[in-house]
Each structure stands twice: as C-alpha cells, then as structure tokens.
Amino acid sequence: MNQVRVQGDPFGDGVVATRLRAFVQHAHERGLRCAITLPSGGHRPLPDTLAAITVPAVSSSAPVVVFAAARELGDAALAAGLRWPRACVVMPATDGAAVAGLVDRVRAELRWAGVADPAAALTERELQPWFVLPVPPADGPIVTLHDGDADSGVASAIAAWREVGAATGRGLRVVVTTDEPSALAFVGEVLGDDVLGVEVVVGPFAPVHLFDASLVVLPWRRVGGTRALVQSLAAGRPVCASWLPPVAELLPPVAACPIVGDVAPDGSFTPAPGAVAAAMRAGLERCHDAIAVRTFVREELTADRSSPPPSPIRGPGARPTVVFEVVLGDDGPSVAGGIDVVRAVLADDVVDVRLVATAVADHGIAALRARAPELVSRLTRDPGVVAAWIGIPSPWLAVRPPCRTFVAANATPVLSSHAAPDVVLLPATFASAVARGLAAIAGVRCEEPLVALPAAPRRTTVAPLAAVR
C-alpha cells in the first residue's frame, strides 16, 4: 500500500523539476514507492538516479501528487484526477508546500484510505517471476491450458492453431495443469495422429511455459478462475480469451484479443464460428505491447492497494444526473452527442449534468475552456450511479457504466453483450432524440440491444426526467 504516483516533468533544472526530484528522493527514504508519470502519459527513460529509486508503475488507486508551474497547476491537478479517477487522493504540490510536508501528507492519506484487494488481484510477490520474463518473441509458440475440464476449450484452441499457427510455422504448447490421466487422454484424443509442432507439458502453470511464447489462448466455456489469465498478462503476453464478463473486465484494450460468441442463460459460452482463429490472428500482431500490458497488471490487478474513494451518494431530493462522455483532446473536446446537445439540456435546468472524460490530452482542459467554458465545472472523476449515461460505445467496453440507462451516441457494435447499451442512437437522430426528452430515452426497455430511435421534432424540455430518480 506504500505507493504514490508522481505526475510531472522530472527533466530539466527548473524549480518544478527540482522539487519533483526532491520529493521522490525524500519519499524513497521514507519507504514510499514512487512511479513517475509524465503529464502526457508517454514513456521516456528516466535519469539513472531516478530510475534507481522508482518503480515502473503503481496501482490506479494510489495517491497522485501533481507537480506543475503555478499557472498550470489547477488544470494539471484536474487532468490527473480525470486520468486516475480511482486515485484515493489527488494532491497539487503548491509552491509553498515543503517537500517533507508533502511526504507526510501522502503517508497520512494512505493510512486514511486503507487497503483494498480486487477479487482477481494477485500479490506482487507472486507476479514477480512473471514480470521478469523477456518480452514475447515474434515467432514463439502459442500456449493454451487444459485443467481436465471440458470447459477449458482446449479443443477449440487446437483447432484454431491448426488453421492459423501451423500455417505460419508456429508451434503449439498445451499445458495440462492436472495429473489426472483422463485429462492427458482427452488432449491426445483431440490431437489424434497429427502431432507435428505440438508440445504437451504436464504440471502447474509456471513462468517457464511462457519464456519463449508469443501468445496465450484461453477459449473458456466457463470461467472457473482467472489466475492463469492474470499471470499471462503479467508475463506481457497478449491473451485471446472468451469475452465473458469476468474475463472482459480483466483484459486491457492493448492486449485484448476477444473471442466473441454467445452466452447461454446458464452462463456457458460458445465461441462464434471462426472466432478463436480470428482472435489468434489478432494476438499474433500484438507481441510488441508487453510493457503496456505489464503496466496494466501493476495498476489494476495487483493486490494490497489503496482503497479508492467512495462514490458520491445523493439525497432523496436531489435531481437526476445525466452523464455525457467527453474526449479532451489538444485540438478541442469531443462530447458524446455534441456540445450543443449538452447546452440544450443545461438550458432546461431540470437535471444535473456531469462530464466524464474517457481520454485527457495535455491541453485538453484548456481546449474545452476555450470552446465551452461553462462545461469545465461539470467535469467529474466519479459521478456515482446516475439516471442516464450517454457515451461513445467501444468494442472493448467490458463494464457497464453505473447508470439506469446506458445510451450510445452511434451504432458502433459492442462485443460484450453484458455491457451493451440499452439504446443506440444514430448520429442523424441523436440531437433530436435527446432534445425531445431524456425521460423517453431513460424509459426505453427493449429486447434488442441496438435500437435507433426515429427522428422527432425539436423540443428542449426534459422535465419528465425529473420523475426518474
């Protein structure tokens, strides 16, 4: 739990860079583990003196200390909170704050926050042997696992390898993680006489199995446990996995090669025809993302982390809240549905409007202030559970936003059905549909997840939404 994220530019001889380096040094001496994040979120090698006393990444809930010039500190702290919405606290390092005092405050905030362990998280000690594996080679074998259960999907993995991997000269390594004779016999039955290029290993899943591997394929029909998935990601390997809710929540977009299919009412998963082979082809092109994958594991899937702040709770008399997703780019903001729609909803003044940023560039907040200054105060890290969430759908969406009704601003397909929007509005009908009343959107309940509402005459009232609380 003794982790802290330091956001700022550590390079140069200016006052800000000097104070940042002094903070990292003092924090290291006080037992805090610091990770330095550049304002742009990019990667740049640190000087040896800093690299020796910092870590590559810390948990996404670690406190964030922001260093920036006085005129930029407000926007920099706001941007840091939007980038790390689950950080237990975001602290701007003001000019008058002593370095020792900042360190003491961080330690106090860590004690106050307490410790949280995500359900799928593993301890850093357990993950360390996987973290130190070499980056995946471009021509290494493909690895799949079989635990003796038919739901492991090993048959699907073998079939896909014969279609994709064998054609490129890649081997297949089947790790049988149980010593039950029936498990090995099942693999042999699936392989048949065509075993050229196949290696079968019996024993617990271990780092040595991924030392020279390029890809891990887990076409599970049911999810019995996610340990092997987290370990594979810690090894920096792209993972092809069934797009089931417990799995989709763990896969970072940079490493997600989803195996799409149908989920039965009993929770079992059936891959779509050709889905395993398609995911395998995509995974073989992502071997260069090892650093980003390991960073995700350190940030999201490592145990013993600070607890994130609680979500806001609204009283019984509070107005319903509507959230619009926004991308804060250097060249201007991109709001789901458009800034004019947000302004129209604000003009009616019957709902509480909040903006949640899905991406934040260096000067994104300044660009929003120049375009729509009245919306800057609407930016929020965590709006809590809201009446309606109007967002930009993504094929990597794994978790449904905390809302009663999820509205997507266009007809982009969403792969994970459990996170699919309740309503999808085509661009041509979006403004008119929102303007005619968010209550109508919030009240839509339909069997098909993708629905385009028809255009409607322009109306600016959204008063009926006041009844949706």
Protein backbone atom coordinates (compact mmCIF):
# COMPACT_ATOMS: atom_id res chain seq x y z
CA MET A 1 0.00 0.00 0.00
CA ASN A 2 3.03 2.31 0.31
CA GLN A 3 2.73 3.55 -3.27
CA VAL A 4 2.40 7.03 -4.72
CA ARG A 5 2.10 8.32 -8.27
CA VAL A 6 4.07 11.46 -9.08
CA GLN A 7 2.82 13.33 -12.13
CA GLY A 8 5.06 15.96 -13.65
CA ASP A 9 8.16 16.54 -15.74
CA PRO A 10 11.28 15.37 -13.86
CA PHE A 11 13.67 16.58 -16.57
CA GLY A 12 15.45 19.90 -16.57
CA ASP A 13 16.79 22.26 -13.91
CA GLY A 14 13.69 24.36 -13.27
CA VAL A 15 12.05 24.82 -9.89
CA VAL A 16 9.23 22.35 -10.60
CA ALA A 17 11.54 19.55 -11.81
CA THR A 18 13.89 20.13 -8.88
CA ARG A 19 11.06 19.90 -6.32
CA LEU A 20 9.71 16.77 -8.01
CA ARG A 21 13.07 15.02 -7.80
CA ALA A 22 13.49 16.10 -4.17
CA PHE A 23 10.04 14.71 -3.34
CA VAL A 24 10.83 11.35 -4.95
CA GLN A 25 14.12 11.13 -3.08
CA HIS A 26 12.54 12.01 0.28
CA ALA A 27 9.62 9.64 -0.31
CA HIS A 28 12.04 6.83 -1.13
CA GLU A 29 13.88 7.47 2.12
CA ARG A 30 10.57 7.30 4.00
CA GLY A 31 9.66 3.92 2.47
CA LEU A 32 7.26 5.09 -0.24
CA ARG A 33 7.45 3.54 -3.70
CA CYS A 34 7.06 6.21 -6.38
CA ALA A 35 6.18 5.90 -10.04
CA ILE A 36 6.68 8.97 -12.22
CA THR A 37 4.00 9.65 -14.83
CA LEU A 38 4.66 12.31 -17.45
CA PRO A 39 1.81 14.80 -17.98
CA SER A 40 1.31 13.48 -21.49
CA GLY A 41 1.16 9.89 -20.28
CA GLY A 42 4.04 8.95 -22.61
CA HIS A 43 7.17 6.98 -21.82
CA ARG A 44 10.66 8.42 -21.60
CA PRO A 45 13.72 6.86 -19.93
CA LEU A 46 14.39 8.40 -16.53
CA PRO A 47 17.85 9.51 -15.42
CA ASP A 48 19.74 6.73 -13.65
CA THR A 49 19.48 8.47 -10.29
CA LEU A 50 15.67 8.49 -10.52
CA ALA A 51 15.30 5.10 -12.17
CA ALA A 52 17.15 3.51 -9.24
CA ILE A 53 14.63 4.74 -6.67
CA THR A 54 11.34 4.49 -8.61
CA VAL A 55 9.12 1.66 -9.85
CA PRO A 56 7.62 1.22 -13.34
CA ALA A 57 4.01 1.62 -12.20
CA VAL A 58 1.79 1.76 -9.14
CA SER A 59 -1.86 0.88 -8.59
CA SER A 60 -4.54 3.04 -10.17
CA SER A 61 -5.85 3.86 -6.69
CA ALA A 62 -2.51 5.17 -5.38
CA PRO A 63 -2.41 8.84 -4.33
CA VAL A 64 -1.33 11.26 -7.05
CA VAL A 65 0.96 14.20 -6.33
CA VAL A 66 0.95 16.72 -9.18
CA PHE A 67 3.91 19.00 -9.95
CA ALA A 68 3.45 21.85 -12.44
CA ALA A 69 4.05 25.56 -12.79
CA ALA A 70 1.72 27.68 -10.66
CA ARG A 71 -0.30 28.93 -13.63
CA GLU A 72 -0.85 25.37 -14.87
CA LEU A 73 -1.27 23.54 -11.57
CA GLY A 74 -5.06 23.80 -11.37
CA ASP A 75 -5.65 22.25 -14.79
CA ALA A 76 -2.87 19.71 -14.24
CA ALA A 77 -4.45 18.51 -10.98
CA LEU A 78 -7.90 18.33 -12.58
CA ALA A 79 -6.48 16.36 -15.52
CA ALA A 80 -4.69 13.98 -13.16
CA GLY A 81 -7.93 13.28 -11.33
CA LEU A 82 -9.71 12.57 -14.62
CA ARG A 83 -6.91 10.27 -15.79
CA TRP A 84 -6.88 8.40 -12.47
CA PRO A 85 -10.50 8.54 -11.26
CA ARG A 86 -9.93 5.84 -8.63
CA ALA A 87 -6.92 7.52 -7.03
CA CYS A 88 -7.53 7.78 -3.29
CA VAL A 89 -6.46 11.45 -3.41
CA VAL A 90 -5.05 13.97 -5.91
CA MET A 91 -2.67 16.47 -4.31
CA PRO A 92 -1.33 19.55 -6.16
CA ALA A 93 2.20 20.38 -4.98
CA THR A 94 1.78 24.10 -4.45
CA ASP A 95 4.81 26.37 -4.34
CA GLY A 96 4.53 26.99 -0.62
CA ALA A 97 4.37 23.31 0.36
CA ALA A 98 7.58 21.85 1.78
CA VAL A 99 8.70 18.54 0.31
CA ALA A 100 8.82 16.86 3.74
CA GLY A 101 5.30 18.08 4.46
CA LEU A 102 4.02 16.64 1.18
CA VAL A 103 5.50 13.26 2.01
CA ASP A 104 3.93 13.31 5.47
CA ARG A 105 0.57 14.20 3.96
CA VAL A 106 0.79 11.33 1.47
CA ARG A 107 1.54 8.90 4.28
CA ALA A 108 -1.45 10.21 6.22
CA GLU A 109 -3.72 9.84 3.18
CA LEU A 110 -2.55 6.24 2.71
CA ARG A 111 -3.44 5.39 6.30
CA TRP A 112 -6.81 7.05 5.91
CA ALA A 113 -7.62 5.30 2.63
CA GLY A 114 -7.00 1.77 3.90
CA VAL A 115 -6.32 -1.30 1.79
CA ALA A 116 -8.41 -2.95 -0.93
CA ASP A 117 -7.74 -6.10 -2.93
CA PRO A 118 -9.68 -6.65 -6.19
CA ALA A 119 -11.17 -10.11 -6.47
CA ALA A 120 -8.85 -11.24 -9.28
CA ALA A 121 -5.74 -9.46 -7.99
CA LEU A 122 -2.55 -11.35 -7.14
CA THR A 123 0.24 -10.24 -4.85
CA GLU A 124 3.27 -8.56 -6.33
CA ARG A 125 5.50 -11.28 -4.90
CA GLU A 126 3.51 -13.92 -6.76
CA LEU A 127 3.58 -11.92 -10.00
CA GLN A 128 7.27 -11.02 -9.88
CA PRO A 129 8.51 -14.22 -11.64
CA TRP A 130 6.13 -13.40 -14.49
CA PHE A 131 7.10 -9.71 -14.65
CA VAL A 132 10.76 -10.56 -15.28
CA LEU A 133 10.16 -12.79 -18.31
CA PRO A 134 11.64 -11.50 -21.57
CA VAL A 135 9.33 -9.74 -24.00
CA PRO A 136 7.44 -12.15 -26.24
CA PRO A 137 9.26 -13.16 -29.42
CA ALA A 138 7.58 -12.62 -32.74
CA ASP A 139 7.84 -16.28 -33.75
CA GLY A 140 7.35 -18.13 -30.46
CA PRO A 141 4.86 -20.93 -29.77
CA ILE A 142 1.21 -20.45 -28.88
CA VAL A 143 0.23 -21.64 -25.40
CA THR A 144 -3.11 -22.99 -24.22
CA LEU A 145 -4.14 -24.65 -20.95
CA HIS A 146 -6.22 -27.67 -20.01
CA ASP A 147 -7.23 -28.37 -16.41
CA GLY A 148 -9.08 -31.59 -17.09
CA ASP A 149 -12.43 -29.86 -17.52
CA ALA A 150 -14.10 -29.93 -20.90
CA ASP A 151 -14.95 -26.25 -20.40
CA SER A 152 -11.26 -25.31 -20.76
CA GLY A 153 -11.81 -25.01 -24.53
CA VAL A 154 -8.57 -26.81 -25.39
CA ALA A 155 -10.23 -28.47 -28.38
CA SER A 156 -11.15 -25.06 -29.83
CA ALA A 157 -7.60 -23.81 -29.27
CA ILE A 158 -6.07 -26.79 -31.05
CA ALA A 159 -8.45 -26.41 -34.00
CA ALA A 160 -7.65 -22.71 -34.32
CA TRP A 161 -3.90 -23.37 -34.12
CA ARG A 162 -4.14 -25.83 -36.99
CA GLU A 163 -5.83 -23.12 -39.03
CA VAL A 164 -3.62 -20.18 -38.05
CA GLY A 165 -0.50 -21.11 -36.13
CA ALA A 166 0.65 -24.18 -38.00
CA ALA A 167 0.33 -22.33 -41.30
CA THR A 168 2.95 -19.82 -40.10
CA GLY A 169 5.29 -22.42 -38.66
CA ARG A 170 4.43 -21.69 -35.04
CA GLY A 171 4.31 -24.46 -32.52
CA LEU A 172 1.57 -25.19 -30.00
CA ARG A 173 2.27 -25.81 -26.31
CA VAL A 174 -0.55 -27.45 -24.39
CA VAL A 175 -0.04 -27.17 -20.63
CA VAL A 176 -2.07 -29.83 -18.81
CA THR A 177 -2.30 -28.45 -15.28
CA THR A 178 -3.60 -31.62 -13.64
CA ASP A 179 -2.07 -35.07 -13.31
CA GLU A 180 -5.37 -36.84 -13.93
CA PRO A 181 -4.81 -39.46 -16.68
CA SER A 182 -8.16 -38.60 -18.23
CA ALA A 183 -7.02 -35.02 -18.90
CA LEU A 184 -3.95 -36.13 -20.86
CA ALA A 185 -6.00 -38.74 -22.66
CA PHE A 186 -8.52 -36.08 -23.74
CA VAL A 187 -5.77 -33.92 -25.22
CA GLY A 188 -4.36 -36.92 -27.05
CA GLU A 189 -7.78 -37.73 -28.41
CA VAL A 190 -8.25 -34.20 -29.73
CA LEU A 191 -4.77 -34.14 -31.31
CA GLY A 192 -5.11 -37.53 -32.95
CA ASP A 193 -2.17 -38.62 -35.06
CA ASP A 194 -1.32 -35.11 -36.27
CA VAL A 195 1.06 -34.00 -33.51
CA LEU A 196 3.78 -32.31 -35.57
CA GLY A 197 4.67 -28.99 -33.92
CA VAL A 198 2.73 -29.79 -30.73
CA GLU A 199 4.32 -29.92 -27.28
CA VAL A 200 2.32 -31.28 -24.35
CA VAL A 201 3.54 -30.38 -20.86
CA VAL A 202 2.07 -31.75 -17.62
CA GLY A 203 2.35 -29.71 -14.44
CA PRO A 204 1.20 -26.49 -12.76
CA PHE A 205 1.22 -23.41 -14.99
CA ALA A 206 4.60 -21.73 -14.45
CA PRO A 207 6.64 -18.86 -15.94
CA VAL A 208 8.86 -21.32 -17.80
CA HIS A 209 5.89 -22.24 -20.00
CA LEU A 210 5.78 -18.68 -21.36
CA PHE A 211 9.51 -17.97 -21.54
CA ASP A 212 9.62 -18.24 -25.34
CA ALA A 213 5.88 -17.97 -26.05
CA SER A 214 4.24 -15.30 -28.19
CA LEU A 215 0.59 -15.74 -27.31
CA VAL A 216 -1.76 -17.35 -24.78
CA VAL A 217 -5.15 -18.68 -25.90
CA LEU A 218 -7.90 -19.31 -23.33
CA PRO A 219 -11.19 -20.14 -25.11
CA TRP A 220 -13.00 -20.95 -21.87
CA ARG A 221 -16.62 -22.07 -21.98
CA ARG A 222 -16.95 -21.21 -18.30
CA VAL A 223 -14.70 -19.21 -16.01
CA GLY A 224 -13.50 -21.31 -13.11
CA GLY A 225 -10.72 -18.94 -12.10
CA THR A 226 -8.73 -16.07 -13.53
CA ARG A 227 -5.29 -16.73 -12.01
CA ALA A 228 -3.78 -18.03 -15.26
CA LEU A 229 -5.15 -15.03 -17.15
CA VAL A 230 -3.56 -12.53 -14.75
CA GLN A 231 -0.26 -14.43 -14.78
CA SER A 232 -0.20 -14.44 -18.59
CA LEU A 233 -0.78 -10.70 -18.68
CA ALA A 234 1.96 -10.15 -16.09
CA ALA A 235 4.27 -12.02 -18.45
CA GLY A 236 3.49 -9.36 -21.07
CA ARG A 237 1.78 -11.80 -23.41
CA PRO A 238 -1.29 -10.87 -25.42
CA VAL A 239 -4.18 -13.09 -24.41
CA CYS A 240 -7.02 -14.44 -26.54
CA ALA A 241 -9.85 -15.12 -24.12
CA SER A 242 -13.58 -15.71 -24.21
CA TRP A 243 -15.40 -12.40 -23.88
CA LEU A 244 -17.26 -13.38 -20.71
CA PRO A 245 -17.98 -10.72 -18.06
CA PRO A 246 -15.36 -11.91 -15.50
CA VAL A 247 -12.75 -12.07 -18.29
CA ALA A 248 -13.63 -8.90 -20.17
CA GLU A 249 -13.20 -6.83 -17.01
CA LEU A 250 -9.58 -8.01 -16.69
CA LEU A 251 -8.32 -7.59 -20.25
CA PRO A 252 -6.72 -4.26 -21.16
CA PRO A 253 -7.58 -2.94 -24.65
CA VAL A 254 -3.90 -3.09 -25.60
CA ALA A 255 -3.85 -6.85 -25.00
CA ALA A 256 -7.48 -7.78 -25.55
CA CYS A 257 -7.99 -10.22 -28.37
CA PRO A 258 -11.59 -11.16 -27.57
CA ILE A 259 -13.09 -14.47 -28.58
CA VAL A 260 -16.67 -13.45 -29.30
CA GLY A 261 -19.62 -15.77 -29.08
CA ASP A 262 -22.91 -16.45 -27.33
CA VAL A 263 -23.53 -16.67 -23.61
CA ALA A 264 -26.29 -19.10 -22.63
CA PRO A 265 -28.69 -18.42 -19.74
CA ASP A 266 -26.69 -20.84 -17.59
CA GLY A 267 -23.53 -18.77 -18.16
CA SER A 268 -21.82 -21.15 -20.59
CA PHE A 269 -20.02 -19.64 -23.56
CA THR A 270 -19.96 -20.87 -27.15
CA PRO A 271 -17.44 -19.21 -29.50
CA ALA A 272 -18.78 -17.89 -32.78
CA PRO A 273 -17.61 -19.77 -35.89
CA GLY A 274 -14.04 -18.77 -36.65
CA ALA A 275 -13.83 -16.51 -33.56
CA VAL A 276 -10.92 -18.34 -31.91
CA ALA A 277 -8.86 -18.27 -35.12
CA ALA A 278 -9.66 -14.58 -35.67
CA ALA A 279 -8.60 -13.72 -32.11
CA MET A 280 -5.41 -15.75 -32.57
CA ARG A 281 -4.51 -13.81 -35.73
CA ALA A 282 -5.06 -10.53 -33.88
CA GLY A 283 -2.99 -11.68 -30.92
CA LEU A 284 0.00 -12.61 -33.05
CA GLU A 285 0.20 -8.96 -34.16
CA ARG A 286 0.37 -7.61 -30.59
CA CYS A 287 3.60 -9.07 -29.29
CA HIS A 288 5.16 -5.59 -29.11
CA ASP A 289 2.79 -4.36 -26.36
CA ALA A 290 4.47 -6.17 -23.46
CA ILE A 291 5.32 -3.02 -21.48
CA ALA A 292 1.79 -1.64 -21.68
CA VAL A 293 0.30 -4.99 -20.68
CA ARG A 294 2.53 -5.31 -17.63
CA THR A 295 1.77 -1.72 -16.65
CA PHE A 296 -1.94 -2.57 -16.71
CA VAL A 297 -1.38 -5.52 -14.38
CA ARG A 298 0.60 -3.39 -11.94
CA GLU A 299 -2.07 -0.70 -11.98
CA GLU A 300 -5.23 -2.81 -11.93
CA LEU A 301 -4.52 -6.42 -10.95
CA THR A 302 -2.01 -6.22 -8.11
CA ALA A 303 -3.20 -6.81 -4.55
CA ASP A 304 -2.53 -4.69 -1.45
CA ARG A 305 -3.56 -1.35 -2.91
CA SER A 306 -5.10 1.81 -1.54
CA SER A 307 -8.87 1.85 -1.40
CA PRO A 308 -10.44 4.19 -3.96
CA PRO A 309 -12.70 6.96 -2.66
CA PRO A 310 -16.39 6.09 -2.24
CA SER A 311 -18.80 7.13 -4.94
CA PRO A 312 -20.99 10.13 -4.17
CA ILE A 313 -24.38 9.46 -2.62
CA ARG A 314 -27.28 11.74 -3.46
CA GLY A 315 -30.08 12.54 -1.10
CA PRO A 316 -33.75 11.77 -1.80
CA GLY A 317 -34.38 15.33 -3.00
CA ALA A 318 -31.53 15.51 -5.48
CA ARG A 319 -32.22 15.94 -9.16
CA PRO A 320 -31.47 13.04 -11.51
CA THR A 321 -28.00 13.10 -13.04
CA VAL A 322 -27.18 12.65 -16.71
CA VAL A 323 -23.58 11.94 -17.74
CA PHE A 324 -22.05 12.76 -21.12
CA GLU A 325 -18.71 11.19 -22.05
CA VAL A 326 -16.08 13.56 -23.43
CA VAL A 327 -12.68 13.16 -25.05
CA LEU A 328 -10.43 16.06 -24.07
CA GLY A 329 -8.03 16.40 -26.98
CA ASP A 330 -5.45 19.12 -27.54
CA ASP A 331 -7.33 20.25 -30.65
CA GLY A 332 -10.69 20.50 -28.87
CA PRO A 333 -13.23 18.43 -26.96
CA SER A 334 -15.38 15.70 -28.45
CA VAL A 335 -18.59 15.22 -26.48
CA ALA A 336 -20.99 12.32 -26.98
CA GLY A 337 -23.90 13.84 -28.85
CA GLY A 338 -22.21 17.21 -29.27
CA ILE A 339 -21.70 20.30 -27.15
CA ASP A 340 -24.94 21.86 -28.45
CA VAL A 341 -26.94 18.95 -27.02
CA VAL A 342 -25.30 19.35 -23.62
CA ARG A 343 -26.03 23.08 -23.67
CA ALA A 344 -29.67 22.41 -24.56
CA VAL A 345 -30.03 20.05 -21.62
CA LEU A 346 -28.35 22.56 -19.31
CA ALA A 347 -30.69 25.30 -20.53
CA ASP A 348 -33.73 23.32 -19.37
CA ASP A 349 -32.19 23.20 -15.87
CA VAL A 350 -34.09 20.16 -14.60
CA VAL A 351 -31.28 17.58 -14.46
CA ASP A 352 -27.77 17.60 -13.06
CA VAL A 353 -25.29 17.29 -15.95
CA ARG A 354 -21.83 15.82 -15.50
CA LEU A 355 -19.00 15.15 -17.96
CA VAL A 356 -16.74 12.10 -17.61
CA ALA A 357 -13.53 12.15 -19.63
CA THR A 358 -12.51 8.95 -21.43
CA ALA A 359 -9.21 10.49 -22.59
CA VAL A 360 -7.30 13.58 -21.48
CA ALA A 361 -4.55 15.25 -23.52
CA ASP A 362 -2.03 17.72 -22.11
CA HIS A 363 -4.01 20.80 -23.09
CA GLY A 364 -7.42 19.15 -23.28
CA ILE A 365 -8.98 21.09 -20.41
CA ALA A 366 -7.73 24.38 -21.82
CA ALA A 367 -9.23 23.42 -25.18
CA LEU A 368 -12.59 22.71 -23.51
CA ARG A 369 -12.43 26.03 -21.66
CA ALA A 370 -11.82 27.86 -24.94
CA ARG A 371 -14.71 26.09 -26.66
CA ALA A 372 -17.27 25.80 -23.86
CA PRO A 373 -16.07 27.39 -20.63
CA GLU A 374 -19.35 26.66 -18.81
CA LEU A 375 -18.70 22.91 -19.10
CA VAL A 376 -15.34 22.79 -17.31
CA SER A 377 -17.02 22.82 -13.89
CA ARG A 378 -19.12 19.82 -14.99
CA LEU A 379 -16.08 17.55 -15.30
CA THR A 380 -16.05 14.86 -12.62
CA ARG A 381 -13.93 11.87 -11.64
CA ASP A 382 -16.82 9.72 -10.37
CA PRO A 383 -20.45 10.77 -10.82
CA GLY A 384 -21.79 7.77 -8.89
CA VAL A 385 -24.89 5.91 -10.06
CA VAL A 386 -26.80 8.12 -12.49
CA ALA A 387 -30.13 8.10 -14.29
CA ALA A 388 -28.67 8.08 -17.81
CA TRP A 389 -25.17 7.72 -19.23
CA ILE A 390 -24.67 8.98 -22.77
CA GLY A 391 -21.42 7.60 -24.09
CA ILE A 392 -19.32 6.63 -27.04
CA PRO A 393 -19.55 2.83 -27.40
CA SER A 394 -16.37 0.84 -27.76
CA PRO A 395 -15.81 -2.77 -28.82
CA TRP A 396 -13.59 -3.07 -25.73
CA LEU A 397 -16.29 -1.98 -23.31
CA ALA A 398 -16.15 -4.52 -20.50
CA VAL A 399 -18.13 -2.94 -17.70
CA ARG A 400 -21.47 -1.23 -17.99
CA PRO A 401 -21.35 2.33 -16.65
CA PRO A 402 -23.08 2.82 -13.29
CA CYS A 403 -26.42 4.01 -14.62
CA ARG A 404 -30.04 3.04 -15.02
CA THR A 405 -29.98 3.57 -18.77
CA PHE A 406 -26.93 3.41 -20.99
CA VAL A 407 -27.32 5.41 -24.22
CA ALA A 408 -24.76 5.15 -27.02
CA ALA A 409 -24.24 8.06 -29.39
CA ASN A 410 -23.82 5.97 -32.53
CA ALA A 411 -24.30 2.48 -33.88
CA THR A 412 -20.82 1.09 -33.24
CA PRO A 413 -21.19 -2.60 -32.33
CA VAL A 414 -20.40 -3.60 -28.77
CA LEU A 415 -18.87 -7.05 -28.39
CA SER A 416 -19.60 -7.67 -24.72
CA SER A 417 -23.35 -8.13 -24.54
CA HIS A 418 -23.41 -7.65 -20.77
CA ALA A 419 -22.15 -4.08 -21.30
CA ALA A 420 -24.17 -3.29 -24.40
CA PRO A 421 -26.18 -0.04 -24.32
CA ASP A 422 -29.92 -0.10 -23.78
CA VAL A 423 -30.36 2.37 -26.62
CA VAL A 424 -28.15 3.25 -29.58
CA LEU A 425 -28.90 6.48 -31.40
CA LEU A 426 -27.75 7.12 -34.93
CA PRO A 427 -25.87 10.42 -35.40
CA ALA A 428 -28.67 11.85 -37.53
CA THR A 429 -31.29 11.26 -34.83
CA PHE A 430 -29.22 11.80 -31.70
CA ALA A 431 -29.71 15.52 -31.16
CA SER A 432 -33.45 15.44 -31.81
CA ALA A 433 -33.96 12.35 -29.66
CA VAL A 434 -32.08 13.83 -26.70
CA ALA A 435 -33.73 17.21 -27.12
CA ARG A 436 -37.24 15.74 -27.17
CA GLY A 437 -36.79 14.46 -23.66
CA LEU A 438 -34.25 12.33 -21.80
CA ALA A 439 -37.16 10.76 -19.94
CA ALA A 440 -38.17 8.94 -23.11
CA ILE A 441 -34.66 7.59 -23.52
CA ALA A 442 -34.41 6.53 -19.89
CA GLY A 443 -37.75 4.77 -20.15
CA VAL A 444 -36.90 2.64 -23.20
CA ARG A 445 -36.69 -1.07 -22.45
CA CYS A 446 -36.34 -3.32 -25.47
CA GLU A 447 -35.22 -6.85 -26.22
CA GLU A 448 -32.74 -5.86 -28.93
CA PRO A 449 -29.63 -4.12 -27.53
CA LEU A 450 -29.10 -1.96 -30.62
CA VAL A 451 -32.01 0.36 -31.34
CA ALA A 452 -32.08 3.51 -33.46
CA LEU A 453 -34.79 5.88 -32.31
CA PRO A 454 -36.65 7.77 -35.06
CA ALA A 455 -36.15 11.47 -35.52
CA ALA A 456 -38.53 13.74 -33.63
CA PRO A 457 -39.46 17.41 -33.77
CA ARG A 458 -37.07 19.65 -31.90
CA ARG A 459 -38.10 20.11 -28.26
CA THR A 460 -35.94 21.40 -25.48
CA THR A 461 -37.87 20.26 -22.44
CA VAL A 462 -36.62 17.34 -20.41
CA ALA A 463 -38.86 17.96 -17.44
CA PRO A 464 -40.40 14.43 -17.38
CA LEU A 465 -36.93 13.06 -16.44
CA ALA A 466 -37.42 14.59 -13.01
CA ALA A 467 -39.59 11.57 -12.23
CA VAL A 468 -36.71 9.18 -12.97
CA ARG A 469 -34.68 9.08 -9.76
